[in-house]
């Protein structure tokens, strides 16, 4: 049940993060409330302490990255909720793998930002773009400087849970 809920949360967050570079607060709140209800109903009130510990373990490392301007606030809240659902070890593993995948994506972006490859890559993004407004789902790729962190979280989720 936890894996399905976390997978659904990550899937929705991936879609909204790619499309708008935003993880909606109402998504986080819904899964936060659902996580608390799930923990109490399935595991009893005594499960709230381990769930809150998992929540803190999801929140604290990502908050430090947020303070350094590495990710957005939505990612921090997302990992806190994932920690509530999953517990300490899975959320810490997800954090570690997400950072590793983010580093690999960063390396790929650096390679594409050099010389001929950059021109080819920019042309492909421009060709795929029907509009240049910020709301276009690939606007983040046009800058070449940042990317939605969920692009790293999704494969990290697959690595940890499957």
Protein backbone atom coordinates (compact mmCIF):
# COMPACT_ATOMS: atom_id res chain seq x y z
CA UNK A 1 0.00 0.00 0.00
CA UNK A 2 2.80 2.43 0.90
CA UNK A 3 4.62 1.77 -2.37
CA UNK A 4 1.47 2.39 -4.42
CA UNK A 5 0.72 5.64 -2.58
CA UNK A 6 4.30 6.89 -2.89
CA UNK A 7 4.39 5.87 -6.56
CA UNK A 8 1.17 7.79 -7.23
CA UNK A 9 2.51 10.83 -5.36
CA UNK A 10 5.79 10.77 -7.28
CA UNK A 11 3.98 10.25 -10.60
CA UNK A 12 1.75 13.28 -10.09
CA UNK A 13 4.65 15.36 -8.78
CA UNK A 14 6.78 14.34 -11.78
CA UNK A 15 4.07 15.48 -14.19
CA UNK A 16 3.52 18.85 -12.50
CA UNK A 17 7.23 19.46 -11.95
CA UNK A 18 8.08 18.83 -15.61
CA UNK A 19 5.14 20.85 -16.81
CA UNK A 20 5.34 23.85 -14.46
CA UNK A 21 8.35 23.28 -12.20
CA UNK A 22 5.91 23.24 -9.31
CA UNK A 23 4.71 20.62 -6.87
CA UNK A 24 1.29 21.83 -5.70
CA UNK A 25 0.74 22.29 -1.97
CA UNK A 26 -2.70 20.71 -2.21
CA UNK A 27 -1.07 17.51 -3.50
CA UNK A 28 1.31 17.52 -0.53
CA UNK A 29 -1.50 18.24 1.95
CA UNK A 30 -3.71 15.47 0.54
CA UNK A 31 -0.94 12.89 0.84
CA UNK A 32 0.06 14.21 4.26
CA UNK A 33 -3.48 13.76 5.61
CA UNK A 34 -3.80 10.43 3.81
CA UNK A 35 -0.49 9.27 5.29
CA UNK A 36 -1.50 10.13 8.84
CA UNK A 37 -4.86 8.38 8.40
CA UNK A 38 -3.16 5.36 6.83
CA UNK A 39 -0.62 5.05 9.65
CA UNK A 40 -3.27 5.29 12.37
CA UNK A 41 -5.80 2.96 10.72
CA UNK A 42 -3.37 0.25 9.57
CA UNK A 43 -0.67 0.43 12.22
CA UNK A 44 -2.31 2.16 15.19
CA UNK A 45 -1.57 5.41 16.96
CA UNK A 46 1.81 4.05 18.06
CA UNK A 47 2.93 4.22 14.39
CA UNK A 48 2.76 8.01 14.40
CA UNK A 49 6.14 8.42 16.11
CA UNK A 50 8.07 6.34 13.51
CA UNK A 51 6.10 8.10 10.75
CA UNK A 52 7.04 11.53 12.12
CA UNK A 53 10.66 10.39 12.40
CA UNK A 54 10.54 9.35 8.75
CA UNK A 55 9.00 12.71 7.91
CA UNK A 56 11.87 14.55 9.61
CA UNK A 57 14.43 12.33 7.87
CA UNK A 58 12.84 13.24 4.54
CA UNK A 59 12.62 16.92 5.40
CA UNK A 60 16.00 17.77 6.95
CA UNK A 61 18.44 16.69 4.18
CA UNK A 62 16.30 18.23 1.46
CA UNK A 63 15.85 21.42 3.47
CA UNK A 64 19.65 21.78 3.59
CA UNK A 65 19.80 21.41 -0.20
CA UNK A 66 16.95 23.93 -0.50
CA UNK A 67 18.85 26.46 1.65
CA UNK A 68 21.77 26.10 -0.77
CA UNK A 69 19.33 26.83 -3.62
CA UNK A 70 19.73 23.36 -5.12
CA UNK A 71 16.02 22.47 -5.18
CA UNK A 72 12.61 24.05 -4.65
CA UNK A 73 10.46 24.06 -1.53
CA UNK A 74 8.00 21.62 -3.10
CA UNK A 75 10.70 18.96 -3.26
CA UNK A 76 11.41 19.42 0.45
CA UNK A 77 7.74 19.02 1.37
CA UNK A 78 7.42 16.05 -0.99
CA UNK A 79 10.26 14.17 0.69
CA UNK A 80 8.79 14.91 4.13
CA UNK A 81 5.51 13.31 3.04
CA UNK A 82 7.34 10.37 1.47
CA UNK A 83 9.13 9.89 4.80
CA UNK A 84 5.77 9.89 6.58
CA UNK A 85 4.53 7.09 4.33
CA UNK A 86 7.73 5.05 4.06
CA UNK A 87 9.77 5.53 7.22
CA UNK A 88 13.39 6.44 7.81
CA UNK A 89 15.45 4.00 5.74
CA UNK A 90 13.50 4.16 2.47
CA UNK A 91 13.33 7.98 2.45
CA UNK A 92 17.06 8.24 3.16
CA UNK A 93 17.78 5.76 0.36
CA UNK A 94 15.51 7.74 -1.95
CA UNK A 95 17.36 10.92 -1.02
CA UNK A 96 20.75 9.36 -1.74
CA UNK A 97 19.74 7.91 -5.10
CA UNK A 98 17.94 11.11 -6.11
CA UNK A 99 21.12 13.09 -5.51
CA UNK A 100 23.15 10.56 -7.50
CA UNK A 101 20.70 10.67 -10.42
CA UNK A 102 20.57 14.48 -10.25
CA UNK A 103 24.36 14.55 -10.53
CA UNK A 104 24.24 12.27 -13.58
CA UNK A 105 21.57 14.46 -15.19
CA UNK A 106 23.73 17.50 -14.44
CA UNK A 107 26.69 15.88 -16.17
CA UNK A 108 24.56 15.12 -19.23
CA UNK A 109 23.33 18.72 -19.31
CA UNK A 110 26.93 19.98 -19.12
CA UNK A 111 27.89 17.76 -22.05
CA UNK A 112 24.95 19.08 -24.07
CA UNK A 113 25.91 22.67 -23.29
CA UNK A 114 29.23 22.38 -25.11
CA UNK A 115 29.91 23.41 -28.71
CA UNK A 116 28.18 21.58 -31.56
CA UNK A 117 26.08 19.44 -29.25
CA UNK A 118 24.62 22.57 -27.63
CA UNK A 119 23.52 23.96 -30.99
CA UNK A 120 21.92 20.65 -31.95
CA UNK A 121 20.24 20.28 -28.56
CA UNK A 122 18.92 23.86 -28.59
CA UNK A 123 17.56 23.39 -32.10
CA UNK A 124 15.78 20.19 -31.07
CA UNK A 125 14.21 21.89 -28.05
CA UNK A 126 13.17 24.88 -30.16
CA UNK A 127 11.68 22.56 -32.79
CA UNK A 128 9.69 20.71 -30.13
CA UNK A 129 8.47 23.97 -28.65
CA UNK A 130 5.22 25.28 -30.08
CA UNK A 131 5.41 28.40 -27.93
CA UNK A 132 8.09 30.25 -26.00
CA UNK A 133 6.08 31.22 -22.95
CA UNK A 134 7.19 29.99 -19.54
CA UNK A 135 4.23 27.61 -19.20
CA UNK A 136 5.49 25.36 -21.98
CA UNK A 137 6.46 21.99 -20.54
CA UNK A 138 10.04 22.19 -21.86
CA UNK A 139 10.80 25.80 -20.93
CA UNK A 140 13.16 24.60 -18.20
CA UNK A 141 15.25 22.73 -20.80
CA UNK A 142 15.73 25.84 -22.93
CA UNK A 143 17.82 27.52 -20.23
CA UNK A 144 20.13 24.52 -19.83
CA UNK A 145 20.95 25.63 -16.27
CA UNK A 146 18.39 23.78 -14.19
CA UNK A 147 16.00 20.87 -14.43
CA UNK A 148 13.06 19.54 -12.44
CA UNK A 149 14.43 17.52 -9.51
CA UNK A 150 11.62 15.01 -10.06
CA UNK A 151 13.52 13.81 -13.16
CA UNK A 152 16.04 12.41 -10.66
CA UNK A 153 13.49 11.32 -8.04
CA UNK A 154 11.48 9.09 -10.40
CA UNK A 155 14.38 6.76 -11.30
CA UNK A 156 15.53 6.87 -7.67
CA UNK A 157 12.07 5.64 -6.63
CA UNK A 158 12.36 2.78 -9.12
CA UNK A 159 15.83 1.95 -7.79
CA UNK A 160 14.76 1.90 -4.14
CA UNK A 161 11.40 0.17 -4.41
CA UNK A 162 11.93 -2.17 -7.35
